[in-house]
Amino acid sequence: MFDFMKGLVSGIVITFSFLLFMGMSENDKTDKILLDIQNNIINIESDVYRMSEKGVECIGSVRCGGGFIDNVEQEVDCK
């Protein structure tokens, strides 16, 4: 009976340690993805603020390169 309890406790501890180690390595990837999403949201918020500040009305807007164009004098094809 003692060997059974010893094996059971060892198995639980080893399994918990393995899952904890794997979880810690996955958090780095998750943090990077969440940081990228946060940066994208900040960029979108600043662009929307800038557009509303200048009084630009956009039915559909495309972000090319570094930002938005203040006014468009001809048809734009942004790929």
Protein backbone atom coordinates (compact mmCIF):
# COMPACT_ATOMS: atom_id res chain seq x y z
CA MET A 1 0.00 0.00 0.00
CA PHE A 2 2.88 2.35 0.80
CA ASP A 3 4.37 1.84 -2.68
CA PHE A 4 0.99 2.63 -4.24
CA MET A 5 0.70 5.93 -2.33
CA LYS A 6 4.32 6.80 -3.11
CA GLY A 7 3.73 6.16 -6.84
CA LEU A 8 0.45 8.08 -6.82
CA VAL A 9 1.97 11.15 -5.15
CA SER A 10 5.03 11.02 -7.42
CA GLY A 11 2.82 10.76 -10.50
CA ILE A 12 0.69 13.71 -9.44
CA VAL A 13 3.73 15.86 -8.62
CA ILE A 14 5.50 15.01 -11.89
CA THR A 15 2.33 15.64 -13.93
CA PHE A 16 1.69 18.96 -12.18
CA SER A 17 5.32 20.03 -12.68
CA PHE A 18 5.17 19.14 -16.38
CA LEU A 19 1.90 21.01 -16.92
CA LEU A 20 3.22 24.02 -15.01
CA PHE A 21 6.40 24.08 -17.11
CA MET A 22 4.45 23.78 -20.37
CA GLY A 23 2.03 26.48 -19.25
CA MET A 24 4.86 28.88 -18.46
CA SER A 25 6.36 28.48 -21.93
CA GLU A 26 2.96 29.06 -23.59
CA ASN A 27 2.41 32.30 -21.63
CA ASP A 28 5.28 33.97 -23.51
CA LYS A 29 3.53 33.36 -26.83
CA THR A 30 0.18 34.48 -25.44
CA ASP A 31 1.68 37.66 -24.00
CA LYS A 32 3.25 38.51 -27.36
CA ILE A 33 -0.04 37.98 -29.20
CA LEU A 34 -1.94 40.08 -26.64
CA LEU A 35 0.69 42.85 -26.87
CA ASP A 36 0.36 42.90 -30.68
CA ILE A 37 -3.43 43.13 -30.38
CA GLN A 38 -3.12 45.95 -27.84
CA ASN A 39 -0.75 47.88 -30.13
CA ASN A 40 -3.13 47.44 -33.08
CA ILE A 41 -6.05 48.74 -31.00
CA ILE A 42 -4.00 51.77 -29.89
CA ASN A 43 -3.10 52.52 -33.52
CA ILE A 44 -6.74 52.26 -34.60
CA GLU A 45 -7.89 54.51 -31.73
CA SER A 46 -5.32 57.17 -32.61
CA ASP A 47 -6.29 57.05 -36.29
CA VAL A 48 -10.00 57.38 -35.47
CA TYR A 49 -9.25 60.32 -33.15
CA ARG A 50 -7.12 61.99 -35.81
CA MET A 51 -9.82 61.51 -38.44
CA SER A 52 -12.57 62.90 -36.19
CA GLU A 53 -10.33 65.80 -35.14
CA LYS A 54 -9.87 66.87 -38.78
CA GLY A 55 -13.54 66.34 -39.58
CA VAL A 56 -12.91 63.59 -42.09
CA GLU A 57 -15.98 61.52 -42.88
CA CYS A 58 -15.11 58.03 -44.01
CA ILE A 59 -17.58 55.61 -45.54
CA GLY A 60 -14.79 53.07 -45.97
CA SER A 61 -11.17 53.77 -45.26
CA VAL A 62 -8.01 51.93 -46.19
CA ARG A 63 -4.83 52.37 -44.28
CA CYS A 64 -1.85 52.50 -46.65
CA GLY A 65 1.69 52.70 -45.33
CA GLY A 66 2.00 54.88 -42.25
CA GLY A 67 -1.44 56.45 -41.94
CA PHE A 68 -4.46 58.05 -43.51
CA ILE A 69 -4.50 60.71 -46.22
CA ASP A 70 -6.14 63.97 -45.12
CA ASN A 71 -7.97 64.48 -48.40
CA VAL A 72 -8.28 62.51 -51.61
CA GLU A 73 -8.43 64.31 -54.94
CA GLN A 74 -8.69 61.24 -57.13
CA GLU A 75 -9.63 57.59 -56.89
CA VAL A 76 -7.09 55.62 -54.87
CA ASP A 77 -6.26 51.94 -55.32
CA CYS A 78 -4.34 50.73 -52.29
CA LYS A 79 -3.03 47.16 -52.41
